[in-house]
């Protein structure tokens, strides 16, 4: 049971991190600070 609770907590934390990273990427894109990868050459 304890390992299931730990997994659930780690999974929830990773979702929060992914959400923050995705929001940052969207903000960077909207601000024109990033380029599509196929335009980097």
C-alpha atoms as a PDB file:
ATOM      1  CA  UNK A   1       0.000   0.000   0.000  1.00  0.00           C
ATOM      2  CA  UNK A   2       2.800   2.415   0.895  1.00  0.00           C
ATOM      3  CA  UNK A   3       4.470   1.979  -2.486  1.00  0.00           C
ATOM      4  CA  UNK A   4       1.181   2.747  -4.254  1.00  0.00           C
ATOM      5  CA  UNK A   5       0.790   5.965  -2.269  1.00  0.00           C
ATOM      6  CA  UNK A   6       4.374   6.982  -3.074  1.00  0.00           C
ATOM      7  CA  UNK A   7       3.828   6.276  -6.782  1.00  0.00           C
ATOM      8  CA  UNK A   8       0.632   8.311  -6.766  1.00  0.00           C
ATOM      9  CA  UNK A   9       2.399  11.241  -5.112  1.00  0.00           C
ATOM     10  CA  UNK A  10       5.318  11.085  -7.559  1.00  0.00           C
ATOM     11  CA  UNK A  11       2.951  10.863 -10.510  1.00  0.00           C
ATOM     12  CA  UNK A  12       0.933  13.866  -9.298  1.00  0.00           C
ATOM     13  CA  UNK A  13       4.143  15.867  -8.847  1.00  0.00           C
ATOM     14  CA  UNK A  14       5.309  15.001 -12.353  1.00  0.00           C
ATOM     15  CA  UNK A  15       1.989  16.181 -13.797  1.00  0.00           C
ATOM     16  CA  UNK A  16       2.405  19.517 -12.024  1.00  0.00           C
ATOM     17  CA  UNK A  17       5.914  19.873 -13.437  1.00  0.00           C
ATOM     18  CA  UNK A  18       4.758  18.977 -16.948  1.00  0.00           C
ATOM     19  CA  UNK A  19       1.936  21.500 -16.711  1.00  0.00           C
ATOM     20  CA  UNK A  20       4.341  24.266 -15.644  1.00  0.00           C
ATOM     21  CA  UNK A  21       6.773  23.383 -18.441  1.00  0.00           C
ATOM     22  CA  UNK A  22       3.980  23.343 -21.020  1.00  0.00           C
ATOM     23  CA  UNK A  23       2.684  26.719 -19.854  1.00  0.00           C
ATOM     24  CA  UNK A  24       6.177  28.181 -20.067  1.00  0.00           C
ATOM     25  CA  UNK A  25       6.621  26.794 -23.590  1.00  0.00           C
ATOM     26  CA  UNK A  26       3.296  28.309 -24.679  1.00  0.00           C
ATOM     27  CA  UNK A  27       4.269  31.683 -23.229  1.00  0.00           C
ATOM     28  CA  UNK A  28       7.658  31.561 -24.985  1.00  0.00           C
ATOM     29  CA  UNK A  29       5.976  30.678 -28.279  1.00  0.00           C
ATOM     30  CA  UNK A  30       3.388  33.427 -27.953  1.00  0.00           C
ATOM     31  CA  UNK A  31       6.123  35.960 -27.149  1.00  0.00           C
ATOM     32  CA  UNK A  32       8.091  34.924 -30.247  1.00  0.00           C
ATOM     33  CA  UNK A  33      11.059  33.600 -28.253  1.00  0.00           C
ATOM     34  CA  UNK A  34      11.017  30.184 -29.928  1.00  0.00           C
ATOM     35  CA  UNK A  35      10.956  28.830 -33.453  1.00  0.00           C
ATOM     36  CA  UNK A  36       9.529  25.609 -34.849  1.00  0.00           C
ATOM     37  CA  UNK A  37      12.299  23.028 -34.948  1.00  0.00           C
ATOM     38  CA  UNK A  38      12.100  22.688 -38.743  1.00  0.00           C
ATOM     39  CA  UNK A  39      13.017  26.392 -39.071  1.00  0.00           C
ATOM     40  CA  UNK A  40      16.258  26.178 -37.077  1.00  0.00           C
ATOM     41  CA  UNK A  41      18.516  25.462 -40.036  1.00  0.00           C
END
